[in-house]
Amino acid sequence: MSCQSCGSVRNTGFNGEAAIHFPGLDGLDKPIVWVFPKLEVCMACGFTEFTVPESETRVLREGIAPSAAA
């Protein structure tokens, strides 16, 4: 698979973790969304891709933590 940024085929997979924060001051009252994706990093330019799982995507879409929705 080639890099979407530079077209290189020198991609390497890594495990990662990311804390996704909602923007602005309103985001301070919303949950931090933790994801532990598989990262595909281009070794030529550093462009990185990952997919957020559906359960975490739902939190980002709705802006509320799963326990708060129950």
PDB file of N, CA and C in Angstrom:
ATOM      1  N   MET A   1       0.844  -1.179   0.000  1.00  0.00           N
ATOM      2  CA  MET A   1       0.000   0.000   0.000  1.00  0.00           C
ATOM      3  C   MET A   1       0.888   1.240   0.000  1.00  0.00           C
ATOM      4  N   SER A   2       0.576   2.218  -0.810  1.00  0.00           N
ATOM      5  CA  SER A   2       1.429   3.397  -0.891  1.00  0.00           C
ATOM      6  C   SER A   2       0.911   4.527   0.001  1.00  0.00           C
ATOM      7  N   CYS A   3       1.838   5.377   0.416  1.00  0.00           N
ATOM      8  CA  CYS A   3       1.540   6.519   1.278  1.00  0.00           C
ATOM      9  C   CYS A   3       0.624   7.500   0.543  1.00  0.00           C
ATOM     10  N   GLN A   4      -0.405   7.968   1.218  1.00  0.00           N
ATOM     11  CA  GLN A   4      -1.320   8.939   0.619  1.00  0.00           C
ATOM     12  C   GLN A   4      -0.681  10.316   0.459  1.00  0.00           C
ATOM     13  N   SER A   5       0.390  10.568   1.204  1.00  0.00           N
ATOM     14  CA  SER A   5       1.030  11.873   1.146  1.00  0.00           C
ATOM     15  C   SER A   5       2.116  11.952   0.074  1.00  0.00           C
ATOM     16  N   CYS A   6       3.045  10.980   0.095  1.00  0.00           N
ATOM     17  CA  CYS A   6       4.183  11.075  -0.821  1.00  0.00           C
ATOM     18  C   CYS A   6       4.253   9.952  -1.845  1.00  0.00           C
ATOM     19  N   GLY A   7       3.423   8.913  -1.697  1.00  0.00           N
ATOM     20  CA  GLY A   7       3.400   7.819  -2.649  1.00  0.00           C
ATOM     21  C   GLY A   7       4.400   6.706  -2.377  1.00  0.00           C
ATOM     22  N   SER A   8       5.219   6.850  -1.343  1.00  0.00           N
ATOM     23  CA  SER A   8       6.207   5.826  -1.014  1.00  0.00           C
ATOM     24  C   SER A   8       5.506   4.533  -0.594  1.00  0.00           C
ATOM     25  N   VAL A   9       6.188   3.404  -0.821  1.00  0.00           N
ATOM     26  CA  VAL A   9       5.662   2.117  -0.361  1.00  0.00           C
ATOM     27  C   VAL A   9       6.400   1.653   0.891  1.00  0.00           C
ATOM     28  N   ARG A  10       7.186   2.528   1.475  1.00  0.00           N
ATOM     29  CA  ARG A  10       7.960   2.191   2.675  1.00  0.00           C
ATOM     30  C   ARG A  10       7.137   2.494   3.923  1.00  0.00           C
ATOM     31  N   ASN A  11       6.101   1.691   4.172  1.00  0.00           N
ATOM     32  CA  ASN A  11       5.244   1.859   5.349  1.00  0.00           C
ATOM     33  C   ASN A  11       5.541   0.759   6.357  1.00  0.00           C
ATOM     34  N   THR A  12       5.483   1.111   7.627  1.00  0.00           N
ATOM     35  CA  THR A  12       5.709   0.147   8.693  1.00  0.00           C
ATOM     36  C   THR A  12       4.588   0.272   9.717  1.00  0.00           C
ATOM     37  N   GLY A  13       4.127  -0.878  10.222  1.00  0.00           N
ATOM     38  CA  GLY A  13       3.063  -0.890  11.222  1.00  0.00           C
ATOM     39  C   GLY A  13       3.611  -0.797  12.636  1.00  0.00           C
ATOM     40  N   PHE A  14       2.924  -0.049  13.477  1.00  0.00           N
ATOM     41  CA  PHE A  14       3.280   0.098  14.886  1.00  0.00           C
ATOM     42  C   PHE A  14       2.007   0.060  15.720  1.00  0.00           C
ATOM     43  N   ASN A  15       2.141  -0.270  16.996  1.00  0.00           N
ATOM     44  CA  ASN A  15       1.030  -0.120  17.935  1.00  0.00           C
ATOM     45  C   ASN A  15       1.101   1.287  18.493  1.00  0.00           C
ATOM     46  N   GLY A  16      -0.053   1.867  18.779  1.00  0.00           N
ATOM     47  CA  GLY A  16      -0.049   3.233  19.292  1.00  0.00           C
ATOM     48  C   GLY A  16      -1.124   3.465  20.323  1.00  0.00           C
ATOM     49  N   GLU A  17      -1.081   4.638  20.904  1.00  0.00           N
ATOM     50  CA  GLU A  17      -2.145   5.080  21.795  1.00  0.00           C
ATOM     51  C   GLU A  17      -2.334   6.567  21.574  1.00  0.00           C
ATOM     52  N   ALA A  18      -3.588   6.998  21.662  1.00  0.00           N
ATOM     53  CA  ALA A  18      -3.886   8.411  21.455  1.00  0.00           C
ATOM     54  C   ALA A  18      -5.036   8.811  22.366  1.00  0.00           C
ATOM     55  N   ALA A  19      -4.937  10.000  22.903  1.00  0.00           N
ATOM     56  CA  ALA A  19      -6.019  10.595  23.689  1.00  0.00           C
ATOM     57  C   ALA A  19      -6.617  11.696  22.828  1.00  0.00           C
ATOM     58  N   ILE A  20      -7.872  11.513  22.424  1.00  0.00           N
ATOM     59  CA  ILE A  20      -8.530  12.487  21.553  1.00  0.00           C
ATOM     60  C   ILE A  20      -9.368  13.413  22.417  1.00  0.00           C
ATOM     61  N   HIS A  21      -9.096  14.711  22.322  1.00  0.00           N
ATOM     62  CA  HIS A  21      -9.789  15.727  23.113  1.00  0.00           C
ATOM     63  C   HIS A  21     -10.745  16.505  22.214  1.00  0.00           C
ATOM     64  N   PHE A  22     -11.907  16.846  22.741  1.00  0.00           N
ATOM     65  CA  PHE A  22     -12.829  17.709  22.015  1.00  0.00           C
ATOM     66  C   PHE A  22     -12.258  19.119  22.005  1.00  0.00           C
ATOM     67  N   PRO A  23     -12.457  19.889  20.935  1.00  0.00           N
ATOM     68  CA  PRO A  23     -11.864  21.219  20.826  1.00  0.00           C
ATOM     69  C   PRO A  23     -12.587  22.277  21.662  1.00  0.00           C
ATOM     70  N   GLY A  24     -11.884  23.347  21.916  1.00  0.00           N
ATOM     71  CA  GLY A  24     -12.467  24.522  22.567  1.00  0.00           C
ATOM     72  C   GLY A  24     -12.751  24.328  24.048  1.00  0.00           C
ATOM     73  N   LEU A  25     -13.256  25.397  24.658  1.00  0.00           N
ATOM     74  CA  LEU A  25     -13.567  25.353  26.082  1.00  0.00           C
ATOM     75  C   LEU A  25     -14.694  24.382  26.400  1.00  0.00           C
ATOM     76  N   ASP A  26     -15.634  24.213  25.462  1.00  0.00           N
ATOM     77  CA  ASP A  26     -16.710  23.245  25.672  1.00  0.00           C
ATOM     78  C   ASP A  26     -16.169  21.825  25.787  1.00  0.00           C
ATOM     79  N   GLY A  27     -15.041  21.569  25.162  1.00  0.00           N
ATOM     80  CA  GLY A  27     -14.430  20.247  25.207  1.00  0.00           C
ATOM     81  C   GLY A  27     -13.945  19.853  26.590  1.00  0.00           C
ATOM     82  N   LEU A  28     -13.760  20.824  27.472  1.00  0.00           N
ATOM     83  CA  LEU A  28     -13.311  20.511  28.829  1.00  0.00           C
ATOM     84  C   LEU A  28     -14.348  19.721  29.604  1.00  0.00           C
ATOM     85  N   ASP A  29     -15.615  19.843  29.225  1.00  0.00           N
ATOM     86  CA  ASP A  29     -16.693  19.123  29.899  1.00  0.00           C
ATOM     87  C   ASP A  29     -17.032  17.802  29.217  1.00  0.00           C
ATOM     88  N   LYS A  30     -16.281  17.442  28.188  1.00  0.00           N
ATOM     89  CA  LYS A  30     -16.549  16.206  27.450  1.00  0.00           C
ATOM     90  C   LYS A  30     -15.444  15.194  27.731  1.00  0.00           C
ATOM     91  N   PRO A  31     -15.739  13.909  27.505  1.00  0.00           N
ATOM     92  CA  PRO A  31     -14.755  12.866  27.837  1.00  0.00           C
ATOM     93  C   PRO A  31     -13.541  12.891  26.913  1.00  0.00           C
ATOM     94  N   ILE A  32     -12.408  12.497  27.459  1.00  0.00           N
ATOM     95  CA  ILE A  32     -11.226  12.220  26.650  1.00  0.00           C
ATOM     96  C   ILE A  32     -11.442  10.829  26.075  1.00  0.00           C
ATOM     97  N   VAL A  33     -11.238  10.670  24.798  1.00  0.00           N
ATOM     98  CA  VAL A  33     -11.461   9.383  24.140  1.00  0.00           C
ATOM     99  C   VAL A  33     -10.102   8.735  23.879  1.00  0.00           C
ATOM    100  N   TRP A  34      -9.859   7.614  24.562  1.00  0.00           N
ATOM    101  CA  TRP A  34      -8.601   6.885  24.395  1.00  0.00           C
ATOM    102  C   TRP A  34      -8.760   5.833  23.314  1.00  0.00           C
ATOM    103  N   VAL A  35      -7.807   5.759  22.395  1.00  0.00           N
ATOM    104  CA  VAL A  35      -7.779   4.716  21.375  1.00  0.00           C
ATOM    105  C   VAL A  35      -6.381   4.103  21.334  1.00  0.00           C
ATOM    106  N   PHE A  36      -6.325   2.843  20.977  1.00  0.00           N
ATOM    107  CA  PHE A  36      -5.059   2.111  20.902  1.00  0.00           C
ATOM    108  C   PHE A  36      -4.958   1.464  19.522  1.00  0.00           C
ATOM    109  N   PRO A  37      -4.765   2.308  18.499  1.00  0.00           N
ATOM    110  CA  PRO A  37      -4.827   1.815  17.125  1.00  0.00           C
ATOM    111  C   PRO A  37      -3.530   1.191  16.631  1.00  0.00           C
ATOM    112  N   LYS A  38      -3.661   0.474  15.537  1.00  0.00           N
ATOM    113  CA  LYS A  38      -2.515   0.035  14.748  1.00  0.00           C
ATOM    114  C   LYS A  38      -2.181   1.210  13.836  1.00  0.00           C
ATOM    115  N   LEU A  39      -0.952   1.707  13.911  1.00  0.00           N
ATOM    116  CA  LEU A  39      -0.515   2.848  13.109  1.00  0.00           C
ATOM    117  C   LEU A  39       0.247   2.371  11.884  1.00  0.00           C
ATOM    118  N   GLU A  40      -0.009   2.988  10.758  1.00  0.00           N
ATOM    119  CA  GLU A  40       0.778   2.756   9.548  1.00  0.00           C
ATOM    120  C   GLU A  40       1.573   4.036   9.296  1.00  0.00           C
ATOM    121  N   VAL A  41       2.884   3.962   9.486  1.00  0.00           N
ATOM    122  CA  VAL A  41       3.753   5.134   9.383  1.00  0.00           C
ATOM    123  C   VAL A  41       4.600   5.032   8.119  1.00  0.00           C
ATOM    124  N   CYS A  42       4.587   6.087   7.320  1.00  0.00           N
ATOM    125  CA  CYS A  42       5.436   6.162   6.135  1.00  0.00           C
ATOM    126  C   CYS A  42       6.863   6.476   6.591  1.00  0.00           C
ATOM    127  N   MET A  43       7.788   5.613   6.229  1.00  0.00           N
ATOM    128  CA  MET A  43       9.181   5.799   6.630  1.00  0.00           C
ATOM    129  C   MET A  43       9.887   6.858   5.782  1.00  0.00           C
ATOM    130  N   ALA A  44       9.228   7.322   4.708  1.00  0.00           N
ATOM    131  CA  ALA A  44       9.825   8.348   3.860  1.00  0.00           C
ATOM    132  C   ALA A  44       9.465   9.751   4.335  1.00  0.00           C
ATOM    133  N   CYS A  45       8.181   9.971   4.678  1.00  0.00           N
ATOM    134  CA  CYS A  45       7.764  11.338   5.028  1.00  0.00           C
ATOM    135  C   CYS A  45       7.142  11.472   6.421  1.00  0.00           C
ATOM    136  N   GLY A  46       6.817  10.339   7.072  1.00  0.00           N
ATOM    137  CA  GLY A  46       6.260  10.397   8.417  1.00  0.00           C
ATOM    138  C   GLY A  46       4.741  10.443   8.476  1.00  0.00           C
ATOM    139  N   PHE A  47       4.069  10.526   7.331  1.00  0.00           N
ATOM    140  CA  PHE A  47       2.607  10.531   7.325  1.00  0.00           C
ATOM    141  C   PHE A  47       2.114   9.267   8.014  1.00  0.00           C
ATOM    142  N   THR A  48       1.111   9.418   8.886  1.00  0.00           N
ATOM    143  CA  THR A  48       0.609   8.293   9.666  1.00  0.00           C
ATOM    144  C   THR A  48      -0.899   8.193   9.552  1.00  0.00           C
ATOM    145  N   GLU A  49      -1.402   6.965   9.444  1.00  0.00           N
ATOM    146  CA  GLU A  49      -2.838   6.711   9.364  1.00  0.00           C
ATOM    147  C   GLU A  49      -3.244   5.726  10.450  1.00  0.00           C
ATOM    148  N   PHE A  50      -4.481   5.912  10.970  1.00  0.00           N
ATOM    149  CA  PHE A  50      -5.069   4.905  11.841  1.00  0.00           C
ATOM    150  C   PHE A  50      -6.578   5.051  11.812  1.00  0.00           C
ATOM    151  N   THR A  51      -7.263   4.007  12.250  1.00  0.00           N
ATOM    152  CA  THR A  51      -8.714   3.988  12.281  1.00  0.00           C
ATOM    153  C   THR A  51      -9.187   3.978  13.716  1.00  0.00           C
ATOM    154  N   VAL A  52     -10.182   4.806  14.008  1.00  0.00           N
ATOM    155  CA  VAL A  52     -10.791   4.848  15.340  1.00  0.00           C
ATOM    156  C   VAL A  52     -11.914   3.809  15.367  1.00  0.00           C
ATOM    157  N   PRO A  53     -11.896   2.874  16.349  1.00  0.00           N
ATOM    158  CA  PRO A  53     -12.942   1.855  16.425  1.00  0.00           C
ATOM    159  C   PRO A  53     -14.339   2.461  16.591  1.00  0.00           C
ATOM    160  N   GLU A  54     -15.366   1.716  16.186  1.00  0.00           N
ATOM    161  CA  GLU A  54     -16.745   2.207  16.201  1.00  0.00           C
ATOM    162  C   GLU A  54     -17.192   2.677  17.584  1.00  0.00           C
ATOM    163  N   SER A  55     -16.857   1.953  18.650  1.00  0.00           N
ATOM    164  CA  SER A  55     -17.309   2.367  19.988  1.00  0.00           C
ATOM    165  C   SER A  55     -16.757   3.742  20.357  1.00  0.00           C
ATOM    166  N   GLU A  56     -15.490   4.006  20.027  1.00  0.00           N
ATOM    167  CA  GLU A  56     -14.906   5.311  20.305  1.00  0.00           C
ATOM    168  C   GLU A  56     -15.426   6.371  19.330  1.00  0.00           C
ATOM    169  N   THR A  57     -15.696   5.977  18.089  1.00  0.00           N
ATOM    170  CA  THR A  57     -16.272   6.909  17.123  1.00  0.00           C
ATOM    171  C   THR A  57     -17.637   7.385  17.605  1.00  0.00           C
ATOM    172  N   ARG A  58     -18.408   6.487  18.215  1.00  0.00           N
ATOM    173  CA  ARG A  58     -19.726   6.846  18.747  1.00  0.00           C
ATOM    174  C   ARG A  58     -19.586   7.906  19.848  1.00  0.00           C
ATOM    175  N   VAL A  59     -18.596   7.750  20.717  1.00  0.00           N
ATOM    176  CA  VAL A  59     -18.364   8.747  21.768  1.00  0.00           C
ATOM    177  C   VAL A  59     -18.013  10.093  21.146  1.00  0.00           C
ATOM    178  N   LEU A  60     -17.174  10.094  20.115  1.00  0.00           N
ATOM    179  CA  LEU A  60     -16.803  11.341  19.439  1.00  0.00           C
ATOM    180  C   LEU A  60     -18.013  11.976  18.763  1.00  0.00           C
ATOM    181  N   ARG A  61     -18.863  11.149  18.167  1.00  0.00           N
ATOM    182  CA  ARG A  61     -20.036  11.650  17.459  1.00  0.00           C
ATOM    183  C   ARG A  61     -21.058  12.239  18.439  1.00  0.00           C
ATOM    184  N   GLU A  62     -21.294  11.545  19.560  1.00  0.00           N
ATOM    185  CA  GLU A  62     -22.334  11.944  20.509  1.00  0.00           C
ATOM    186  C   GLU A  62     -21.824  12.895  21.588  1.00  0.00           C
ATOM    187  N   GLY A  63     -20.505  12.867  21.841  1.00  0.00           N
ATOM    188  CA  GLY A  63     -19.930  13.770  22.828  1.00  0.00           C
ATOM    189  C   GLY A  63     -20.178  13.379  24.272  1.00  0.00           C
ATOM    190  N   ILE A  64     -20.616  12.129  24.483  1.00  0.00           N
ATOM    191  CA  ILE A  64     -20.846  11.666  25.857  1.00  0.00           C
ATOM    192  C   ILE A  64     -20.210  10.287  26.019  1.00  0.00           C
ATOM    193  N   ALA A  65     -19.721  10.039  27.216  1.00  0.00           N
ATOM    194  CA  ALA A  65     -19.094   8.757  27.526  1.00  0.00           C
ATOM    195  C   ALA A  65     -20.155   7.665  27.594  1.00  0.00           C
ATOM    196  N   PRO A  66     -19.794   6.401  27.279  1.00  0.00           N
ATOM    197  CA  PRO A  66     -20.773   5.310  27.311  1.00  0.00           C
ATOM    198  C   PRO A  66     -21.479   5.166  28.649  1.00  0.00           C
ATOM    199  N   SER A  67     -20.762   5.322  29.765  1.00  0.00           N
ATOM    200  CA  SER A  67     -21.400   5.171  31.080  1.00  0.00           C
ATOM    201  C   SER A  67     -22.408   6.274  31.346  1.00  0.00           C
ATOM    202  N   ALA A  68     -22.190   7.464  30.785  1.00  0.00           N
ATOM    203  CA  ALA A  68     -23.116   8.572  30.969  1.00  0.00           C
ATOM    204  C   ALA A  68     -24.386   8.382  30.125  1.00  0.00           C
ATOM    205  N   ALA A  69     -24.266   7.590  29.054  1.00  0.00           N
ATOM    206  CA  ALA A  69     -25.406   7.368  28.175  1.00  0.00           C
ATOM    207  C   ALA A  69     -26.350   6.308  28.711  1.00  0.00           C
ATOM    208  N   ALA A  70     -25.887   5.496  29.640  1.00  0.00           N
ATOM    209  CA  ALA A  70     -26.694   4.381  30.162  1.00  0.00           C
ATOM    210  C   ALA A  70     -27.741   4.841  31.149  1.00  0.00           C
TER     211      ALA A  70
END
